[in-house]
């Protein structure tokens, strides 16, 4: 996020962050806001911080902000530019005793229509592109969900796709540096 705030296009973030200069650049950008940041630890905190006026903007899980805006009528709006797009996934451990049943569940849970139907309850985008056109209304029967999906074409223009391999290789060193940065005066 710090590199995008410093002008690095989403498509180049991991290339830049993979260099010592890129890491230094990210932390230099963080230095510019260090004294103004309110850190949160649980998904319910960002909408509450906004509602209480403790912050003017925040990072958040889009489903939490959508719920606050639509279900609770809070004056919140999501800015999708620079969103971090993350994916959940299923895995079947090698040698699993019920492998065939696990595959059946995965086929069921990732069915095009089921993924689209899930969007009527929460604004987490369906993982299948084929589901996008089938996304309908929120459970209130009024709100069109398609524009509220992180996977909507308009919302993906400058999305940073989480790179699991990058983080598996570098999370320890970057977390260590981040934690040292947090406590440094």
Protein backbone atom coordinates (compact mmCIF):
# COMPACT_ATOMS: atom_id res chain seq x y z
CA UNK A 1 0.00 0.00 0.00
CA UNK A 2 2.84 2.37 0.84
CA UNK A 3 4.42 1.89 -2.58
CA UNK A 4 1.12 2.52 -4.36
CA UNK A 5 0.69 5.66 -2.25
CA UNK A 6 4.14 6.68 -3.45
CA UNK A 7 3.12 6.32 -7.09
CA UNK A 8 4.12 2.75 -7.91
CA UNK A 9 1.51 1.14 -10.21
CA UNK A 10 -0.10 -1.98 -8.75
CA UNK A 11 1.42 -4.13 -11.49
CA UNK A 12 4.93 -3.10 -10.38
CA UNK A 13 4.57 -3.24 -6.59
CA UNK A 14 6.09 -6.68 -6.03
CA UNK A 15 8.91 -6.04 -8.51
CA UNK A 16 9.82 -2.85 -6.61
CA UNK A 17 9.27 -4.37 -3.16
CA UNK A 18 11.59 -7.25 -4.06
CA UNK A 19 14.54 -4.83 -4.00
CA UNK A 20 16.23 -3.26 -0.97
CA UNK A 21 15.58 0.16 -2.52
CA UNK A 22 11.89 -0.67 -2.87
CA UNK A 23 11.62 -1.72 0.76
CA UNK A 24 13.38 1.50 1.81
CA UNK A 25 10.99 3.48 -0.40
CA UNK A 26 7.96 1.82 1.20
CA UNK A 27 9.18 2.58 4.71
CA UNK A 28 10.06 6.15 3.76
CA UNK A 29 6.45 6.60 2.63
CA UNK A 30 5.18 5.05 5.85
CA UNK A 31 7.34 7.52 7.78
CA UNK A 32 5.25 10.36 6.32
CA UNK A 33 2.07 9.10 8.04
CA UNK A 34 3.44 7.26 11.07
CA UNK A 35 2.18 9.76 13.65
CA UNK A 36 -1.33 9.86 12.14
CA UNK A 37 -2.14 6.17 11.77
CA UNK A 38 -4.68 4.37 13.92
CA UNK A 39 -3.95 0.64 13.63
CA UNK A 40 -6.73 -1.92 13.79
CA UNK A 41 -6.62 -5.64 14.56
CA UNK A 42 -10.14 -7.00 13.99
CA UNK A 43 -12.44 -6.66 10.98
CA UNK A 44 -15.20 -4.96 12.97
CA UNK A 45 -12.93 -2.08 13.97
CA UNK A 46 -12.64 -0.06 10.72
CA UNK A 47 -16.36 0.69 10.30
CA UNK A 48 -16.58 1.51 14.01
CA UNK A 49 -13.56 3.86 13.79
CA UNK A 50 -15.25 5.62 10.88
CA UNK A 51 -18.63 5.79 12.60
CA UNK A 52 -17.08 7.20 15.76
CA UNK A 53 -15.18 9.85 13.78
CA UNK A 54 -11.83 8.56 15.03
CA UNK A 55 -10.56 8.30 11.45
CA UNK A 56 -11.46 9.95 8.14
CA UNK A 57 -10.51 6.90 6.07
CA UNK A 58 -9.33 3.37 6.66
CA UNK A 59 -8.35 0.11 5.10
CA UNK A 60 -11.03 -2.49 5.66
CA UNK A 61 -12.61 -5.68 4.45
CA UNK A 62 -15.02 -4.52 1.77
CA UNK A 63 -17.85 -6.68 3.15
CA UNK A 64 -17.68 -4.83 6.47
CA UNK A 65 -17.89 -1.42 4.81
CA UNK A 66 -20.66 -2.56 2.44
CA UNK A 67 -22.69 -3.85 5.39
CA UNK A 68 -22.23 -0.61 7.32
CA UNK A 69 -23.18 1.50 4.29
CA UNK A 70 -26.14 -0.53 3.02
CA UNK A 71 -27.52 -2.47 5.99
CA UNK A 72 -26.74 0.18 8.63
CA UNK A 73 -27.11 3.26 6.38
CA UNK A 74 -23.71 4.72 7.27
CA UNK A 75 -22.31 7.38 4.90
CA UNK A 76 -19.36 5.23 3.80
CA UNK A 77 -18.03 4.71 0.30
CA UNK A 78 -15.41 2.26 -0.90
CA UNK A 79 -12.54 3.56 -2.99
CA UNK A 80 -11.45 0.62 -5.09
CA UNK A 81 -8.37 2.23 -6.61
CA UNK A 82 -5.41 0.35 -5.18
CA UNK A 83 -7.47 -2.40 -3.58
CA UNK A 84 -5.62 -5.51 -2.50
CA UNK A 85 -7.34 -8.45 -4.10
CA UNK A 86 -7.00 -11.61 -2.08
CA UNK A 87 -8.29 -15.09 -2.71
CA UNK A 88 -9.49 -17.85 -0.46
CA UNK A 89 -8.88 -21.38 -1.59
CA UNK A 90 -9.55 -24.98 -0.81
CA UNK A 91 -6.89 -27.65 -0.42
CA UNK A 92 -7.13 -31.38 -0.02
CA UNK A 93 -4.22 -32.81 1.94
CA UNK A 94 -2.27 -35.52 0.18
CA UNK A 95 -3.53 -38.89 1.33
CA UNK A 96 -6.81 -37.51 2.69
CA UNK A 97 -9.13 -40.45 3.49
CA UNK A 98 -12.21 -38.78 1.95
CA UNK A 99 -10.62 -37.26 -1.13
CA UNK A 100 -13.59 -38.02 -3.40
CA UNK A 101 -16.06 -36.39 -0.98
CA UNK A 102 -13.76 -33.39 -0.64
CA UNK A 103 -13.71 -32.99 -4.44
CA UNK A 104 -17.52 -33.19 -4.51
CA UNK A 105 -17.72 -30.43 -1.90
CA UNK A 106 -15.30 -28.23 -3.84
CA UNK A 107 -17.32 -28.72 -7.03
CA UNK A 108 -20.49 -27.82 -5.13
CA UNK A 109 -19.01 -24.80 -3.33
CA UNK A 110 -17.40 -23.33 -6.45
CA UNK A 111 -20.32 -23.82 -8.80
CA UNK A 112 -20.90 -20.74 -10.97
CA UNK A 113 -24.44 -20.10 -9.73
CA UNK A 114 -23.65 -20.76 -6.07
CA UNK A 115 -20.79 -18.26 -6.15
CA UNK A 116 -23.09 -15.67 -7.73
CA UNK A 117 -25.81 -16.40 -5.16
CA UNK A 118 -23.35 -15.87 -2.30
CA UNK A 119 -23.14 -12.24 -3.39
CA UNK A 120 -26.71 -11.64 -2.24
CA UNK A 121 -25.47 -11.93 1.34
CA UNK A 122 -22.04 -10.28 1.31
CA UNK A 123 -20.10 -8.20 -1.17
CA UNK A 124 -17.19 -10.58 -1.54
CA UNK A 125 -16.68 -11.14 -5.23
CA UNK A 126 -17.20 -14.53 -6.77
CA UNK A 127 -13.98 -16.29 -7.69
CA UNK A 128 -15.29 -17.37 -11.09
CA UNK A 129 -15.56 -14.88 -13.91
CA UNK A 130 -18.57 -16.84 -15.13
CA UNK A 131 -20.39 -15.89 -11.91
CA UNK A 132 -20.05 -12.12 -12.41
CA UNK A 133 -22.88 -11.78 -14.90
CA UNK A 134 -25.18 -13.77 -12.58
CA UNK A 135 -24.68 -11.58 -9.50
CA UNK A 136 -28.08 -10.16 -8.59
CA UNK A 137 -29.51 -8.13 -5.75
CA UNK A 138 -28.55 -7.90 -2.12
CA UNK A 139 -30.80 -9.70 0.33
CA UNK A 140 -32.70 -6.40 0.76
CA UNK A 141 -34.13 -7.01 -2.74
CA UNK A 142 -33.19 -3.47 -3.79
CA UNK A 143 -29.43 -3.03 -3.99
CA UNK A 144 -27.70 -4.24 -7.15
CA UNK A 145 -24.63 -6.11 -5.95
CA UNK A 146 -22.55 -6.14 -9.14
CA UNK A 147 -20.98 -2.68 -8.64
CA UNK A 148 -20.10 -3.58 -5.04
CA UNK A 149 -17.99 -6.58 -5.99
CA UNK A 150 -14.20 -6.24 -5.76
CA UNK A 151 -14.14 -8.42 -8.87
CA UNK A 152 -16.34 -6.04 -10.90
CA UNK A 153 -14.38 -4.91 -13.95
CA UNK A 154 -14.47 -1.23 -12.97
CA UNK A 155 -13.12 -2.08 -9.50
CA UNK A 156 -10.17 -4.09 -10.79
CA UNK A 157 -8.49 -1.29 -12.76
CA UNK A 158 -5.66 -0.73 -10.28
CA UNK A 159 -6.00 -3.77 -8.04
CA UNK A 160 -2.96 -5.31 -6.41
CA UNK A 161 -3.35 -9.08 -6.49
CA UNK A 162 -1.88 -10.61 -3.34
CA UNK A 163 1.23 -12.59 -4.27
CA UNK A 164 1.35 -15.56 -1.92
CA UNK A 165 4.73 -16.74 -3.20
CA UNK A 166 6.28 -13.29 -2.59
CA UNK A 167 5.00 -13.24 0.98
CA UNK A 168 6.00 -16.83 1.71
CA UNK A 169 9.56 -15.91 0.70
CA UNK A 170 9.75 -12.50 2.39
CA UNK A 171 7.14 -12.15 5.13
CA UNK A 172 9.49 -12.89 8.01
CA UNK A 173 12.06 -10.25 7.07
CA UNK A 174 9.45 -7.64 6.15
CA UNK A 175 7.38 -8.28 9.28
CA UNK A 176 10.52 -7.98 11.38
CA UNK A 177 11.40 -4.66 9.76
CA UNK A 178 7.79 -3.43 10.09
CA UNK A 179 7.63 -4.33 13.78
CA UNK A 180 10.96 -2.56 14.40
CA UNK A 181 9.63 0.46 12.51
CA UNK A 182 6.46 0.51 14.64
CA UNK A 183 8.38 0.73 17.92
CA UNK A 184 11.08 3.10 16.68
CA UNK A 185 10.64 6.71 17.76
